[in-house]
């Protein structure tokens, strides 16, 4: 690869959830899009759990809960999203369980690649 031959070349940035972002971008306004956006935000909070300290996570959880309350989410997904966001303060295995319940509730609104990204994140959290 060309970048490997250049010692000063930077690694390309890789967005961790491209399928969720693409799904949110192509869905029309309404419930499905808001589920995809909420799943993307929740996945980013969960992924960043290991690199943020407890104080920052608490602040982020508070802001995320306010933002989630403003969305027009289907009733069956509201509680799983809230539990998953709150679980980012706890342990990774606890968060993995909350993320799996979120996947079960939100999967009718998500496509296959988006569900796979969330399942991969849940497996990573369960192993840590």
N, C-alpha and C. Protein backbone atom coordinates (compact mmCIF):
# COMPACT_ATOMS: atom_id res chain seq x y z
N UNK A 1 0.84 -1.18 0.00
CA UNK A 1 0.00 0.00 0.00
C UNK A 1 0.88 1.24 0.00
N UNK A 2 0.47 2.26 -0.65
CA UNK A 2 1.25 3.48 -0.81
C UNK A 2 1.52 4.16 0.52
N UNK A 3 0.53 4.23 1.41
CA UNK A 3 0.70 4.92 2.69
C UNK A 3 1.73 4.23 3.58
N UNK A 4 1.91 2.92 3.41
CA UNK A 4 2.89 2.20 4.22
C UNK A 4 4.31 2.56 3.83
N UNK A 5 4.51 3.00 2.61
CA UNK A 5 5.85 3.35 2.17
C UNK A 5 6.27 4.73 2.64
N UNK A 6 5.34 5.51 3.14
CA UNK A 6 5.66 6.86 3.62
C UNK A 6 5.68 6.87 5.15
N UNK A 7 6.82 7.10 5.75
CA UNK A 7 6.89 7.04 7.21
C UNK A 7 6.11 8.15 7.91
N UNK A 8 5.83 9.22 7.23
CA UNK A 8 5.13 10.36 7.82
C UNK A 8 3.63 10.35 7.53
N UNK A 9 3.16 9.35 6.82
CA UNK A 9 1.74 9.28 6.46
C UNK A 9 0.90 8.95 7.69
N UNK A 10 -0.24 9.57 7.79
CA UNK A 10 -1.16 9.31 8.88
C UNK A 10 -2.07 8.14 8.55
N UNK A 11 -2.47 7.43 9.59
CA UNK A 11 -3.45 6.36 9.40
C UNK A 11 -4.79 6.99 9.04
N UNK A 12 -5.51 6.38 8.12
CA UNK A 12 -6.83 6.95 7.80
C UNK A 12 -7.78 6.79 8.98
N UNK A 13 -8.61 7.79 9.18
CA UNK A 13 -9.61 7.73 10.25
C UNK A 13 -10.72 6.79 9.82
N UNK A 14 -11.12 5.93 10.72
CA UNK A 14 -12.20 5.00 10.43
C UNK A 14 -13.35 5.26 11.41
N UNK A 15 -14.49 5.59 10.84
CA UNK A 15 -15.67 5.81 11.67
C UNK A 15 -16.15 4.46 12.18
N UNK A 16 -16.41 4.32 13.48
CA UNK A 16 -16.71 3.00 14.04
C UNK A 16 -18.09 2.43 13.68
N UNK A 17 -19.03 3.26 13.27
CA UNK A 17 -20.39 2.78 13.00
C UNK A 17 -20.92 3.32 11.67
N UNK A 18 -20.28 2.95 10.56
CA UNK A 18 -20.71 3.51 9.27
C UNK A 18 -22.10 3.06 8.84
N UNK A 19 -22.50 1.83 9.18
CA UNK A 19 -23.82 1.35 8.76
C UNK A 19 -24.93 2.11 9.48
N UNK A 20 -24.75 2.37 10.77
CA UNK A 20 -25.77 3.14 11.51
C UNK A 20 -25.86 4.56 10.97
N UNK A 21 -24.72 5.19 10.70
CA UNK A 21 -24.73 6.55 10.17
C UNK A 21 -25.38 6.59 8.78
N UNK A 22 -25.07 5.61 7.95
CA UNK A 22 -25.66 5.58 6.60
C UNK A 22 -27.16 5.35 6.67
N UNK A 23 -27.59 4.47 7.57
CA UNK A 23 -29.03 4.22 7.72
C UNK A 23 -29.75 5.48 8.17
N UNK A 24 -29.20 6.17 9.16
CA UNK A 24 -29.82 7.41 9.65
C UNK A 24 -29.88 8.46 8.55
N UNK A 25 -28.89 8.47 7.69
CA UNK A 25 -28.86 9.45 6.61
C UNK A 25 -29.85 9.18 5.50
N UNK A 26 -30.18 7.92 5.28
CA UNK A 26 -31.06 7.64 4.14
C UNK A 26 -32.52 7.44 4.52
N UNK A 27 -32.83 7.27 5.79
CA UNK A 27 -34.23 7.11 6.19
C UNK A 27 -34.96 8.46 6.18
N UNK A 28 -36.25 8.46 5.89
CA UNK A 28 -37.01 9.70 5.95
C UNK A 28 -37.23 10.13 7.41
N UNK A 29 -37.57 11.37 7.58
CA UNK A 29 -37.84 11.88 8.93
C UNK A 29 -38.92 11.05 9.60
N UNK A 30 -38.77 10.82 10.88
CA UNK A 30 -39.78 10.06 11.61
C UNK A 30 -39.15 9.00 12.49
N UNK A 31 -39.97 8.05 12.91
CA UNK A 31 -39.57 7.05 13.89
C UNK A 31 -38.35 6.24 13.55
N UNK A 32 -38.28 5.71 12.31
CA UNK A 32 -37.15 4.88 11.93
C UNK A 32 -35.83 5.63 11.97
N UNK A 33 -35.84 6.85 11.45
CA UNK A 33 -34.63 7.66 11.45
C UNK A 33 -34.21 8.01 12.87
N UNK A 34 -35.18 8.31 13.71
CA UNK A 34 -34.84 8.68 15.08
C UNK A 34 -34.32 7.49 15.86
N UNK A 35 -34.82 6.29 15.57
CA UNK A 35 -34.28 5.08 16.19
C UNK A 35 -32.83 4.90 15.75
N UNK A 36 -32.55 5.09 14.47
CA UNK A 36 -31.18 4.94 13.97
C UNK A 36 -30.25 5.97 14.59
N UNK A 37 -30.70 7.22 14.71
CA UNK A 37 -29.88 8.25 15.34
C UNK A 37 -29.65 7.96 16.82
N UNK A 38 -30.68 7.51 17.51
CA UNK A 38 -30.53 7.17 18.92
C UNK A 38 -29.59 5.98 19.09
N UNK A 39 -29.67 5.01 18.20
CA UNK A 39 -28.77 3.85 18.27
C UNK A 39 -27.33 4.27 18.01
N UNK A 40 -27.13 5.18 17.07
CA UNK A 40 -25.79 5.69 16.78
C UNK A 40 -25.21 6.42 17.99
N UNK A 41 -25.99 7.29 18.58
CA UNK A 41 -25.51 8.03 19.76
C UNK A 41 -25.23 7.08 20.92
N UNK A 42 -26.10 6.12 21.14
CA UNK A 42 -25.92 5.16 22.22
C UNK A 42 -24.68 4.31 21.99
N UNK A 43 -24.47 3.88 20.76
CA UNK A 43 -23.29 3.08 20.44
C UNK A 43 -22.02 3.88 20.66
N UNK A 44 -22.03 5.14 20.30
CA UNK A 44 -20.84 5.97 20.53
C UNK A 44 -20.57 6.17 22.01
N UNK A 45 -21.61 6.36 22.80
CA UNK A 45 -21.43 6.46 24.26
C UNK A 45 -20.85 5.16 24.82
N UNK A 46 -21.38 4.04 24.35
CA UNK A 46 -20.91 2.74 24.84
C UNK A 46 -19.46 2.49 24.44
N UNK A 47 -19.11 2.82 23.22
CA UNK A 47 -17.74 2.62 22.75
C UNK A 47 -16.75 3.49 23.51
N UNK A 48 -17.15 4.69 23.86
CA UNK A 48 -16.26 5.62 24.56
C UNK A 48 -16.21 5.37 26.06
N UNK A 49 -16.94 4.38 26.54
CA UNK A 49 -16.99 4.09 27.97
C UNK A 49 -15.59 3.87 28.54
N UNK A 50 -14.74 3.18 27.81
CA UNK A 50 -13.41 2.83 28.31
C UNK A 50 -12.46 4.01 28.33
N UNK A 51 -12.73 5.05 27.54
CA UNK A 51 -11.76 6.15 27.45
C UNK A 51 -12.20 7.42 28.17
N UNK A 52 -13.35 7.41 28.78
CA UNK A 52 -13.81 8.59 29.53
C UNK A 52 -13.86 8.26 31.01
N UNK A 53 -13.61 9.27 31.84
CA UNK A 53 -13.69 9.02 33.28
C UNK A 53 -15.13 9.12 33.76
N UNK A 54 -15.35 8.71 34.99
CA UNK A 54 -16.72 8.60 35.53
C UNK A 54 -17.45 9.94 35.52
N UNK A 55 -16.77 11.01 35.85
CA UNK A 55 -17.42 12.33 35.86
C UNK A 55 -17.90 12.74 34.49
N UNK A 56 -17.05 12.52 33.49
CA UNK A 56 -17.45 12.85 32.12
C UNK A 56 -18.60 11.97 31.65
N UNK A 57 -18.57 10.69 32.03
CA UNK A 57 -19.66 9.79 31.63
C UNK A 57 -20.97 10.23 32.24
N UNK A 58 -20.94 10.67 33.49
CA UNK A 58 -22.17 11.15 34.13
C UNK A 58 -22.75 12.35 33.41
N UNK A 59 -21.89 13.27 33.03
CA UNK A 59 -22.34 14.46 32.29
C UNK A 59 -22.92 14.06 30.94
N UNK A 60 -22.24 13.15 30.26
CA UNK A 60 -22.71 12.71 28.95
C UNK A 60 -24.04 11.97 29.06
N UNK A 61 -24.20 11.15 30.10
CA UNK A 61 -25.45 10.41 30.30
C UNK A 61 -26.60 11.38 30.52
N UNK A 62 -26.39 12.39 31.35
CA UNK A 62 -27.43 13.38 31.62
C UNK A 62 -27.86 14.08 30.32
N UNK A 63 -26.89 14.50 29.53
CA UNK A 63 -27.20 15.18 28.27
C UNK A 63 -27.88 14.23 27.28
N UNK A 64 -27.43 12.98 27.24
CA UNK A 64 -28.02 12.00 26.31
C UNK A 64 -29.47 11.70 26.68
N UNK A 65 -29.77 11.62 27.98
CA UNK A 65 -31.14 11.34 28.40
C UNK A 65 -32.07 12.49 28.01
N UNK A 66 -31.61 13.72 28.13
CA UNK A 66 -32.41 14.87 27.71
C UNK A 66 -32.65 14.81 26.20
N UNK A 67 -31.60 14.50 25.45
CA UNK A 67 -31.73 14.42 24.00
C UNK A 67 -32.68 13.29 23.59
N UNK A 68 -32.54 12.12 24.22
CA UNK A 68 -33.43 11.00 23.91
C UNK A 68 -34.89 11.35 24.19
N UNK A 69 -35.14 12.10 25.25
CA UNK A 69 -36.51 12.48 25.58
C UNK A 69 -37.13 13.37 24.51
N UNK A 70 -36.30 14.06 23.73
CA UNK A 70 -36.82 14.96 22.70
C UNK A 70 -37.14 14.23 21.40
N UNK A 71 -36.74 12.96 21.29
CA UNK A 71 -36.98 12.21 20.05
C UNK A 71 -38.36 11.56 20.04
N UNK A 72 -38.86 11.33 18.85
CA UNK A 72 -40.14 10.63 18.68
C UNK A 72 -39.85 9.15 18.47
N UNK A 73 -39.38 8.51 19.54
CA UNK A 73 -39.05 7.08 19.47
C UNK A 73 -40.30 6.24 19.67
N UNK A 74 -40.36 5.07 19.03
CA UNK A 74 -41.47 4.15 19.30
C UNK A 74 -41.47 3.76 20.78
N UNK A 75 -42.63 3.55 21.34
CA UNK A 75 -42.76 3.26 22.78
C UNK A 75 -41.93 2.06 23.21
N UNK A 76 -41.84 1.05 22.37
CA UNK A 76 -41.10 -0.17 22.73
C UNK A 76 -39.60 0.04 22.83
N UNK A 77 -39.09 1.15 22.29
CA UNK A 77 -37.64 1.38 22.32
C UNK A 77 -37.21 2.40 23.37
N UNK A 78 -38.13 3.17 23.91
CA UNK A 78 -37.76 4.23 24.85
C UNK A 78 -37.01 3.71 26.07
N UNK A 79 -37.57 2.71 26.74
CA UNK A 79 -36.95 2.19 27.96
C UNK A 79 -35.61 1.51 27.66
N UNK A 80 -35.50 0.66 26.62
CA UNK A 80 -34.19 0.07 26.34
C UNK A 80 -33.10 1.10 26.02
N UNK A 81 -33.47 2.16 25.30
CA UNK A 81 -32.47 3.21 25.04
C UNK A 81 -32.04 3.88 26.35
N UNK A 82 -32.99 4.22 27.18
CA UNK A 82 -32.66 4.87 28.46
C UNK A 82 -31.79 3.97 29.34
N UNK A 83 -32.13 2.69 29.41
CA UNK A 83 -31.34 1.75 30.22
C UNK A 83 -29.93 1.60 29.68
N UNK A 84 -29.81 1.56 28.37
CA UNK A 84 -28.50 1.41 27.76
C UNK A 84 -27.64 2.64 28.01
N UNK A 85 -28.21 3.81 27.89
CA UNK A 85 -27.46 5.04 28.16
C UNK A 85 -27.04 5.08 29.63
N UNK A 86 -27.94 4.73 30.53
CA UNK A 86 -27.60 4.73 31.96
C UNK A 86 -26.54 3.68 32.28
N UNK A 87 -26.52 2.57 31.54
CA UNK A 87 -25.56 1.50 31.80
C UNK A 87 -24.14 1.90 31.42
N UNK A 88 -23.96 2.99 30.68
CA UNK A 88 -22.60 3.42 30.34
C UNK A 88 -21.84 3.89 31.56
N UNK A 89 -22.53 4.11 32.67
CA UNK A 89 -21.87 4.48 33.93
C UNK A 89 -21.38 3.22 34.66
N UNK A 90 -22.00 2.08 34.39
CA UNK A 90 -21.67 0.84 35.09
C UNK A 90 -20.49 0.10 34.48
N UNK A 91 -20.55 -1.22 34.55
CA UNK A 91 -19.46 -2.07 34.05
C UNK A 91 -19.73 -2.46 32.60
N UNK A 92 -18.66 -2.80 31.86
CA UNK A 92 -18.85 -3.22 30.46
C UNK A 92 -19.78 -4.42 30.29
N UNK A 93 -19.70 -5.48 31.13
CA UNK A 93 -20.65 -6.59 30.94
C UNK A 93 -22.11 -6.17 31.17
N UNK A 94 -22.33 -5.28 32.12
CA UNK A 94 -23.68 -4.78 32.37
C UNK A 94 -24.17 -4.00 31.15
N UNK A 95 -23.30 -3.20 30.58
CA UNK A 95 -23.64 -2.43 29.38
C UNK A 95 -23.90 -3.36 28.20
N UNK A 96 -23.14 -4.44 28.09
CA UNK A 96 -23.36 -5.40 27.01
C UNK A 96 -24.76 -6.01 27.09
N UNK A 97 -25.22 -6.32 28.30
CA UNK A 97 -26.57 -6.86 28.47
C UNK A 97 -27.63 -5.84 28.09
N UNK A 98 -27.43 -4.59 28.50
CA UNK A 98 -28.38 -3.53 28.15
C UNK A 98 -28.39 -3.30 26.64
N UNK A 99 -27.23 -3.39 26.03
CA UNK A 99 -27.15 -3.19 24.58
C UNK A 99 -27.84 -4.32 23.84
N UNK A 100 -27.76 -5.54 24.36
CA UNK A 100 -28.45 -6.66 23.71
C UNK A 100 -29.97 -6.49 23.79
N UNK A 101 -30.48 -5.99 24.95
CA UNK A 101 -31.94 -5.75 25.01
C UNK A 101 -32.34 -4.61 24.08
N UNK A 102 -31.47 -3.64 23.92
CA UNK A 102 -31.74 -2.55 22.99
C UNK A 102 -31.80 -3.09 21.56
N UNK A 103 -30.89 -3.97 21.21
CA UNK A 103 -30.87 -4.56 19.86
C UNK A 103 -32.18 -5.30 19.61
N UNK A 104 -32.63 -6.06 20.59
CA UNK A 104 -33.89 -6.81 20.43
C UNK A 104 -35.07 -5.86 20.21
N UNK A 105 -35.09 -4.74 20.92
CA UNK A 105 -36.21 -3.80 20.79
C UNK A 105 -36.14 -2.97 19.52
N UNK A 106 -34.93 -2.60 19.11
CA UNK A 106 -34.77 -1.67 17.98
C UNK A 106 -34.56 -2.37 16.65
N UNK A 107 -34.28 -3.66 16.64
CA UNK A 107 -33.95 -4.33 15.38
C UNK A 107 -35.04 -4.25 14.30
N UNK A 108 -36.33 -4.18 14.64
CA UNK A 108 -37.32 -4.01 13.56
C UNK A 108 -37.16 -2.70 12.79
N UNK A 109 -36.48 -1.73 13.39
CA UNK A 109 -36.31 -0.42 12.76
C UNK A 109 -34.93 -0.26 12.12
N UNK A 110 -34.04 -1.24 12.30
CA UNK A 110 -32.67 -1.15 11.81
C UNK A 110 -32.45 -2.17 10.70
N UNK A 111 -31.46 -1.92 9.86
CA UNK A 111 -31.12 -2.90 8.82
C UNK A 111 -30.06 -3.88 9.35
N UNK A 112 -29.78 -4.91 8.57
CA UNK A 112 -28.86 -5.95 8.99
C UNK A 112 -27.47 -5.46 9.37
N UNK A 113 -26.81 -4.64 8.54
CA UNK A 113 -25.47 -4.17 8.90
C UNK A 113 -25.46 -3.33 10.18
N UNK A 114 -26.51 -2.56 10.41
CA UNK A 114 -26.58 -1.75 11.64
C UNK A 114 -26.70 -2.64 12.87
N UNK A 115 -27.53 -3.67 12.77
CA UNK A 115 -27.67 -4.61 13.88
C UNK A 115 -26.35 -5.33 14.12
N UNK A 116 -25.65 -5.69 13.06
CA UNK A 116 -24.35 -6.36 13.20
C UNK A 116 -23.34 -5.47 13.92
N UNK A 117 -23.34 -4.17 13.62
CA UNK A 117 -22.42 -3.26 14.32
C UNK A 117 -22.72 -3.22 15.81
N UNK A 118 -24.01 -3.17 16.16
CA UNK A 118 -24.38 -3.15 17.57
C UNK A 118 -24.04 -4.47 18.26
N UNK A 119 -24.26 -5.59 17.56
CA UNK A 119 -23.93 -6.89 18.14
C UNK A 119 -22.43 -7.04 18.34
N UNK A 120 -21.64 -6.55 17.42
CA UNK A 120 -20.19 -6.59 17.55
C UNK A 120 -19.74 -5.78 18.77
N UNK A 121 -20.34 -4.62 18.96
CA UNK A 121 -20.02 -3.80 20.12
C UNK A 121 -20.40 -4.51 21.41
N UNK A 122 -21.56 -5.16 21.42
CA UNK A 122 -21.98 -5.89 22.62
C UNK A 122 -21.00 -7.03 22.94
N UNK A 123 -20.52 -7.74 21.91
CA UNK A 123 -19.54 -8.80 22.14
C UNK A 123 -18.23 -8.24 22.70
N UNK A 124 -17.79 -7.11 22.16
CA UNK A 124 -16.55 -6.48 22.65
C UNK A 124 -16.70 -6.08 24.12
N UNK A 125 -17.84 -5.51 24.46
CA UNK A 125 -18.07 -5.08 25.84
C UNK A 125 -18.15 -6.27 26.78
N UNK A 126 -18.77 -7.35 26.34
CA UNK A 126 -18.91 -8.55 27.18
C UNK A 126 -17.54 -9.19 27.46
N UNK A 127 -16.61 -9.05 26.53
CA UNK A 127 -15.29 -9.63 26.69
C UNK A 127 -14.37 -8.78 27.54
N UNK A 128 -14.71 -7.52 27.76
CA UNK A 128 -13.80 -6.66 28.53
C UNK A 128 -14.12 -6.65 30.01
